[in-house]
Amino acid sequence: MARSAIGMRRQIAWQAAPGYNYAVEYSDNLVSWQGDLSGSSFSAPQQSQTFLFTDASSQGESRFYRIIQTSAE
């Protein structure tokens, strides 16, 4: 997983494997996690590929991210 900040937006990239769906969750305190960001759900790819998520909603505050991997079956 890699992350970068472009202006006030944050980007996260990771290598996705076939057979799995992915979701990006965020937290402002590492206790309560939310999965309500636009464009944060990714369907299983047909082959390995890099997925990229951009958080356009963050306004410069500290924010933590995690990627949830679930079986597509």
N, C-alpha and C. Protein backbone atom coordinates (compact mmCIF):
# COMPACT_ATOMS: atom_id res chain seq x y z
N MET A 1 0.85 -1.17 0.00
CA MET A 1 0.00 0.00 0.00
C MET A 1 0.90 1.23 0.00
N ALA A 2 0.49 2.20 -0.75
CA ALA A 2 1.21 3.48 -0.79
C ALA A 2 0.20 4.59 -0.62
N ARG A 3 0.65 5.70 -0.07
CA ARG A 3 -0.24 6.84 0.06
C ARG A 3 0.51 8.10 -0.32
N SER A 4 -0.24 9.10 -0.74
CA SER A 4 0.35 10.40 -1.06
C SER A 4 -0.69 11.47 -0.84
N ALA A 5 -0.24 12.69 -0.69
CA ALA A 5 -1.14 13.83 -0.53
C ALA A 5 -0.96 14.75 -1.72
N ILE A 6 -2.05 15.04 -2.37
CA ILE A 6 -2.04 15.96 -3.50
C ILE A 6 -2.94 17.12 -3.12
N GLY A 7 -2.35 18.25 -2.84
CA GLY A 7 -3.14 19.35 -2.32
C GLY A 7 -3.72 18.93 -0.98
N MET A 8 -5.02 19.02 -0.84
CA MET A 8 -5.69 18.59 0.38
C MET A 8 -6.28 17.19 0.24
N ARG A 9 -6.17 16.58 -0.93
CA ARG A 9 -6.72 15.24 -1.15
C ARG A 9 -5.65 14.20 -0.84
N ARG A 10 -6.10 13.08 -0.33
CA ARG A 10 -5.18 11.97 -0.02
C ARG A 10 -5.47 10.82 -0.96
N GLN A 11 -4.41 10.17 -1.42
CA GLN A 11 -4.56 9.02 -2.29
C GLN A 11 -3.94 7.79 -1.64
N ILE A 12 -4.58 6.65 -1.87
CA ILE A 12 -4.09 5.37 -1.38
C ILE A 12 -4.10 4.41 -2.56
N ALA A 13 -3.01 3.70 -2.75
CA ALA A 13 -2.92 2.70 -3.81
C ALA A 13 -2.50 1.37 -3.20
N TRP A 14 -3.05 0.27 -3.73
CA TRP A 14 -2.67 -1.06 -3.26
C TRP A 14 -2.85 -2.06 -4.39
N GLN A 15 -2.15 -3.18 -4.23
CA GLN A 15 -2.22 -4.26 -5.20
C GLN A 15 -3.42 -5.15 -4.86
N ALA A 16 -4.37 -5.24 -5.77
CA ALA A 16 -5.59 -6.03 -5.56
C ALA A 16 -5.45 -7.38 -6.24
N ALA A 17 -5.97 -8.40 -5.59
CA ALA A 17 -5.89 -9.77 -6.10
C ALA A 17 -7.25 -10.22 -6.62
N PRO A 18 -7.27 -11.04 -7.65
CA PRO A 18 -8.54 -11.58 -8.16
C PRO A 18 -9.26 -12.38 -7.08
N GLY A 19 -10.59 -12.35 -7.11
CA GLY A 19 -11.38 -13.12 -6.16
C GLY A 19 -11.71 -12.39 -4.88
N TYR A 20 -11.29 -11.14 -4.76
CA TYR A 20 -11.54 -10.37 -3.54
C TYR A 20 -12.10 -8.99 -3.88
N ASN A 21 -13.06 -8.56 -3.07
CA ASN A 21 -13.56 -7.19 -3.12
C ASN A 21 -12.81 -6.38 -2.07
N TYR A 22 -12.78 -5.08 -2.25
CA TYR A 22 -12.05 -4.20 -1.34
C TYR A 22 -12.88 -2.99 -0.97
N ALA A 23 -12.68 -2.51 0.24
CA ALA A 23 -13.33 -1.29 0.70
C ALA A 23 -12.33 -0.48 1.52
N VAL A 24 -12.35 0.82 1.34
CA VAL A 24 -11.49 1.72 2.11
C VAL A 24 -12.33 2.30 3.25
N GLU A 25 -11.81 2.19 4.46
CA GLU A 25 -12.44 2.80 5.62
C GLU A 25 -11.50 3.84 6.19
N TYR A 26 -12.06 4.80 6.92
CA TYR A 26 -11.24 5.84 7.53
C TYR A 26 -11.64 6.04 8.99
N SER A 27 -10.72 6.63 9.73
CA SER A 27 -10.97 6.96 11.12
C SER A 27 -10.22 8.23 11.45
N ASP A 28 -10.80 9.03 12.31
CA ASP A 28 -10.11 10.22 12.80
C ASP A 28 -9.45 9.97 14.15
N ASN A 29 -9.73 8.78 14.74
CA ASN A 29 -9.21 8.51 16.09
C ASN A 29 -8.71 7.08 16.29
N LEU A 30 -8.70 6.25 15.26
CA LEU A 30 -8.28 4.85 15.30
C LEU A 30 -9.18 3.97 16.17
N VAL A 31 -10.33 4.48 16.58
CA VAL A 31 -11.29 3.70 17.37
C VAL A 31 -12.54 3.44 16.55
N SER A 32 -13.14 4.49 16.02
CA SER A 32 -14.36 4.39 15.22
C SER A 32 -14.00 4.46 13.74
N TRP A 33 -14.39 3.43 12.98
CA TRP A 33 -14.08 3.36 11.56
C TRP A 33 -15.35 3.56 10.74
N GLN A 34 -15.22 4.31 9.64
CA GLN A 34 -16.34 4.62 8.76
C GLN A 34 -16.03 4.15 7.35
N GLY A 35 -17.04 3.72 6.64
CA GLY A 35 -16.87 3.28 5.26
C GLY A 35 -17.79 4.00 4.31
N ASP A 36 -18.06 5.26 4.58
CA ASP A 36 -19.06 6.01 3.82
C ASP A 36 -18.47 7.00 2.80
N LEU A 37 -17.23 6.82 2.43
CA LEU A 37 -16.62 7.74 1.45
C LEU A 37 -17.05 7.35 0.03
N SER A 38 -17.31 8.34 -0.78
CA SER A 38 -17.70 8.12 -2.16
C SER A 38 -16.57 7.41 -2.92
N GLY A 39 -16.93 6.38 -3.66
CA GLY A 39 -15.94 5.67 -4.47
C GLY A 39 -15.00 4.80 -3.69
N SER A 40 -15.38 4.39 -2.47
CA SER A 40 -14.45 3.63 -1.62
C SER A 40 -14.65 2.12 -1.68
N SER A 41 -15.55 1.63 -2.55
CA SER A 41 -15.76 0.20 -2.72
C SER A 41 -15.25 -0.23 -4.09
N PHE A 42 -14.54 -1.36 -4.12
CA PHE A 42 -13.92 -1.85 -5.34
C PHE A 42 -14.28 -3.32 -5.54
N SER A 43 -14.79 -3.65 -6.73
CA SER A 43 -15.13 -5.03 -7.06
C SER A 43 -13.88 -5.82 -7.42
N ALA A 44 -14.00 -7.13 -7.29
CA ALA A 44 -12.87 -8.03 -7.57
C ALA A 44 -12.36 -7.84 -9.00
N PRO A 45 -11.07 -7.67 -9.16
CA PRO A 45 -10.51 -7.56 -10.51
C PRO A 45 -10.39 -8.94 -11.16
N GLN A 46 -10.33 -8.98 -12.47
CA GLN A 46 -10.15 -10.24 -13.19
C GLN A 46 -8.72 -10.77 -13.06
N GLN A 47 -7.78 -9.86 -12.87
CA GLN A 47 -6.37 -10.21 -12.67
C GLN A 47 -5.77 -9.21 -11.70
N SER A 48 -4.60 -9.50 -11.17
CA SER A 48 -3.96 -8.59 -10.23
C SER A 48 -3.82 -7.21 -10.87
N GLN A 49 -4.13 -6.19 -10.08
CA GLN A 49 -3.98 -4.82 -10.57
C GLN A 49 -3.88 -3.88 -9.38
N THR A 50 -3.44 -2.68 -9.65
CA THR A 50 -3.34 -1.66 -8.62
C THR A 50 -4.63 -0.85 -8.59
N PHE A 51 -5.23 -0.76 -7.41
CA PHE A 51 -6.40 0.09 -7.21
C PHE A 51 -5.93 1.41 -6.60
N LEU A 52 -6.61 2.48 -6.95
CA LEU A 52 -6.28 3.81 -6.44
C LEU A 52 -7.54 4.46 -5.89
N PHE A 53 -7.47 4.93 -4.65
CA PHE A 53 -8.57 5.64 -4.03
C PHE A 53 -8.11 7.04 -3.68
N THR A 54 -8.93 8.04 -4.01
CA THR A 54 -8.65 9.43 -3.65
C THR A 54 -9.73 9.92 -2.71
N ASP A 55 -9.31 10.41 -1.55
CA ASP A 55 -10.24 10.97 -0.57
C ASP A 55 -10.33 12.47 -0.78
N ALA A 56 -11.34 12.86 -1.54
CA ALA A 56 -11.53 14.29 -1.83
C ALA A 56 -12.26 15.00 -0.70
N SER A 57 -12.76 14.24 0.29
CA SER A 57 -13.55 14.85 1.36
C SER A 57 -12.70 15.33 2.53
N SER A 58 -11.48 14.85 2.65
CA SER A 58 -10.67 15.28 3.80
C SER A 58 -10.27 16.73 3.63
N GLN A 59 -10.33 17.47 4.71
CA GLN A 59 -10.05 18.91 4.67
C GLN A 59 -8.80 19.26 5.46
N GLY A 60 -7.80 18.39 5.40
CA GLY A 60 -6.55 18.70 6.07
C GLY A 60 -6.43 18.15 7.47
N GLU A 61 -7.52 17.61 8.02
CA GLU A 61 -7.45 17.04 9.36
C GLU A 61 -6.70 15.71 9.30
N SER A 62 -6.24 15.26 10.45
CA SER A 62 -5.59 13.96 10.52
C SER A 62 -6.63 12.89 10.22
N ARG A 63 -6.25 11.92 9.42
CA ARG A 63 -7.17 10.85 9.07
C ARG A 63 -6.35 9.59 8.83
N PHE A 64 -6.86 8.47 9.30
CA PHE A 64 -6.22 7.18 9.14
C PHE A 64 -7.08 6.34 8.21
N TYR A 65 -6.44 5.44 7.46
CA TYR A 65 -7.15 4.61 6.50
C TYR A 65 -6.77 3.15 6.69
N ARG A 66 -7.72 2.27 6.32
CA ARG A 66 -7.43 0.85 6.24
C ARG A 66 -8.21 0.29 5.06
N ILE A 67 -7.68 -0.80 4.53
CA ILE A 67 -8.30 -1.46 3.39
C ILE A 67 -8.84 -2.79 3.88
N ILE A 68 -10.13 -3.02 3.64
CA ILE A 68 -10.79 -4.26 4.02
C ILE A 68 -10.89 -5.13 2.79
N GLN A 69 -10.44 -6.38 2.91
CA GLN A 69 -10.49 -7.34 1.81
C GLN A 69 -11.51 -8.43 2.17
N THR A 70 -12.48 -8.67 1.28
CA THR A 70 -13.47 -9.71 1.51
C THR A 70 -13.56 -10.61 0.28
N SER A 71 -13.94 -11.84 0.50
CA SER A 71 -14.08 -12.80 -0.59
C SER A 71 -15.21 -12.37 -1.51
N ALA A 72 -14.98 -12.47 -2.81
CA ALA A 72 -16.00 -12.10 -3.79
C ALA A 72 -16.99 -13.23 -4.03
N GLU A 73 -16.75 -14.39 -3.46
CA GLU A 73 -17.61 -15.55 -3.68
C GLU A 73 -18.78 -15.58 -2.74
